Amino acid sequence: MRCTSCNIEIKAKTNFVIFDCPYCGEEKIVRCNSCKASSTKYTCPKCGFTGP
């Protein structure tokens, strides 16, 4: 599993969040703690929605 924003590999002990795309609801968005804390943008690979 990789962060949708920075593409870093998420390891078992890493803090992260995973949620459905808020636009299409069909793709899982994975955010590492660093990207989440700094509000790094992400793009849904399925529908192209961009979020903070």
N, C-alpha and C. Protein backbone atom coordinates (compact mmCIF):
# COMPACT_ATOMS: atom_id res chain seq x y z
N MET A 1 0.85 -1.17 0.00
CA MET A 1 0.00 0.00 0.00
C MET A 1 0.90 1.24 0.00
N ARG A 2 0.50 2.25 -0.76
CA ARG A 2 1.29 3.47 -0.90
C ARG A 2 0.42 4.71 -0.69
N CYS A 3 1.05 5.77 -0.19
CA CYS A 3 0.36 7.05 0.00
C CYS A 3 -0.04 7.59 -1.37
N THR A 4 -1.29 8.01 -1.50
CA THR A 4 -1.79 8.56 -2.75
C THR A 4 -1.09 9.86 -3.11
N SER A 5 -0.65 10.62 -2.13
CA SER A 5 0.00 11.92 -2.38
C SER A 5 1.47 11.80 -2.74
N CYS A 6 2.26 11.13 -1.88
CA CYS A 6 3.72 11.11 -2.07
C CYS A 6 4.26 9.77 -2.54
N ASN A 7 3.41 8.78 -2.61
CA ASN A 7 3.77 7.44 -3.11
C ASN A 7 4.73 6.67 -2.20
N ILE A 8 4.90 7.11 -0.95
CA ILE A 8 5.75 6.38 -0.01
C ILE A 8 5.04 5.08 0.38
N GLU A 9 5.81 4.03 0.57
CA GLU A 9 5.23 2.76 0.99
C GLU A 9 4.76 2.87 2.44
N ILE A 10 3.53 2.47 2.68
CA ILE A 10 2.96 2.48 4.03
C ILE A 10 3.31 1.16 4.69
N LYS A 11 3.99 1.23 5.81
CA LYS A 11 4.37 0.03 6.55
C LYS A 11 3.43 -0.14 7.74
N ALA A 12 3.44 -1.30 8.33
CA ALA A 12 2.50 -1.66 9.39
C ALA A 12 2.51 -0.67 10.56
N LYS A 13 3.66 -0.14 10.94
CA LYS A 13 3.73 0.74 12.11
C LYS A 13 3.63 2.22 11.75
N THR A 14 3.45 2.53 10.48
CA THR A 14 3.32 3.91 10.03
C THR A 14 1.92 4.43 10.33
N ASN A 15 1.84 5.68 10.76
CA ASN A 15 0.53 6.30 10.95
C ASN A 15 0.00 6.74 9.58
N PHE A 16 -1.23 6.36 9.29
CA PHE A 16 -1.84 6.71 8.01
C PHE A 16 -3.35 6.68 8.15
N VAL A 17 -4.03 7.19 7.13
CA VAL A 17 -5.48 7.15 7.08
C VAL A 17 -5.88 6.62 5.70
N ILE A 18 -6.96 5.89 5.66
CA ILE A 18 -7.48 5.37 4.40
C ILE A 18 -8.98 5.65 4.36
N PHE A 19 -9.45 6.16 3.22
CA PHE A 19 -10.88 6.50 3.10
C PHE A 19 -11.29 6.41 1.64
N ASP A 20 -12.59 6.32 1.40
CA ASP A 20 -13.13 6.31 0.04
C ASP A 20 -13.03 7.71 -0.54
N CYS A 21 -12.80 7.79 -1.84
CA CYS A 21 -12.78 9.09 -2.51
C CYS A 21 -14.08 9.83 -2.19
N PRO A 22 -13.99 11.08 -1.74
CA PRO A 22 -15.21 11.81 -1.40
C PRO A 22 -16.08 12.18 -2.60
N TYR A 23 -15.53 12.06 -3.81
CA TYR A 23 -16.30 12.40 -5.01
C TYR A 23 -16.98 11.18 -5.62
N CYS A 24 -16.18 10.16 -5.96
CA CYS A 24 -16.76 9.00 -6.64
C CYS A 24 -17.08 7.85 -5.68
N GLY A 25 -16.38 7.80 -4.55
CA GLY A 25 -16.62 6.75 -3.57
C GLY A 25 -16.17 5.36 -4.00
N GLU A 26 -15.50 5.27 -5.14
CA GLU A 26 -15.13 3.96 -5.69
C GLU A 26 -13.66 3.61 -5.48
N GLU A 27 -12.84 4.57 -5.14
CA GLU A 27 -11.40 4.34 -4.99
C GLU A 27 -10.99 4.66 -3.55
N LYS A 28 -10.05 3.89 -3.02
CA LYS A 28 -9.51 4.15 -1.69
C LYS A 28 -8.39 5.17 -1.80
N ILE A 29 -8.43 6.18 -0.94
CA ILE A 29 -7.38 7.18 -0.85
C ILE A 29 -6.57 6.85 0.40
N VAL A 30 -5.26 6.74 0.26
CA VAL A 30 -4.37 6.44 1.37
C VAL A 30 -3.50 7.66 1.59
N ARG A 31 -3.43 8.12 2.84
CA ARG A 31 -2.63 9.32 3.16
C ARG A 31 -1.71 9.01 4.32
N CYS A 32 -0.41 9.24 4.13
CA CYS A 32 0.53 9.08 5.24
C CYS A 32 0.34 10.25 6.20
N ASN A 33 0.80 10.10 7.41
CA ASN A 33 0.62 11.12 8.42
C ASN A 33 1.27 12.44 8.02
N SER A 34 2.41 12.36 7.35
CA SER A 34 3.13 13.57 6.93
C SER A 34 2.32 14.36 5.91
N CYS A 35 1.80 13.70 4.89
CA CYS A 35 0.99 14.38 3.87
C CYS A 35 -0.31 14.91 4.45
N LYS A 36 -0.91 14.16 5.35
CA LYS A 36 -2.14 14.60 6.00
C LYS A 36 -1.88 15.86 6.83
N ALA A 37 -0.80 15.86 7.60
CA ALA A 37 -0.48 17.00 8.47
C ALA A 37 -0.14 18.26 7.67
N SER A 38 0.49 18.09 6.51
CA SER A 38 0.88 19.26 5.72
C SER A 38 -0.13 19.60 4.62
N SER A 39 -1.27 18.92 4.62
CA SER A 39 -2.35 19.15 3.64
C SER A 39 -1.87 19.03 2.20
N THR A 40 -1.01 18.06 1.95
CA THR A 40 -0.53 17.80 0.59
C THR A 40 -1.71 17.31 -0.26
N LYS A 41 -1.83 17.85 -1.45
CA LYS A 41 -2.94 17.46 -2.33
C LYS A 41 -2.81 16.02 -2.78
N TYR A 42 -3.95 15.40 -3.04
CA TYR A 42 -4.02 14.05 -3.60
C TYR A 42 -4.98 14.08 -4.77
N THR A 43 -4.83 13.14 -5.67
CA THR A 43 -5.73 13.01 -6.82
C THR A 43 -6.24 11.58 -6.89
N CYS A 44 -7.54 11.43 -6.97
CA CYS A 44 -8.14 10.11 -7.09
C CYS A 44 -7.74 9.53 -8.45
N PRO A 45 -7.14 8.33 -8.45
CA PRO A 45 -6.73 7.73 -9.73
C PRO A 45 -7.91 7.31 -10.61
N LYS A 46 -9.09 7.19 -10.06
CA LYS A 46 -10.25 6.74 -10.84
C LYS A 46 -11.00 7.92 -11.50
N CYS A 47 -11.32 8.96 -10.70
CA CYS A 47 -12.15 10.04 -11.22
C CYS A 47 -11.41 11.36 -11.40
N GLY A 48 -10.19 11.47 -10.85
CA GLY A 48 -9.41 12.70 -11.01
C GLY A 48 -9.70 13.78 -9.99
N PHE A 49 -10.59 13.49 -9.03
CA PHE A 49 -10.88 14.48 -7.98
C PHE A 49 -9.60 14.82 -7.22
N THR A 50 -9.37 16.10 -6.95
CA THR A 50 -8.20 16.54 -6.18
C THR A 50 -8.67 17.14 -4.88
N GLY A 51 -8.06 16.67 -3.80
CA GLY A 51 -8.42 17.17 -2.48
C GLY A 51 -7.19 17.60 -1.70
N PRO A 52 -7.42 18.29 -0.61
CA PRO A 52 -6.31 18.77 0.22
C PRO A 52 -5.71 17.69 1.09
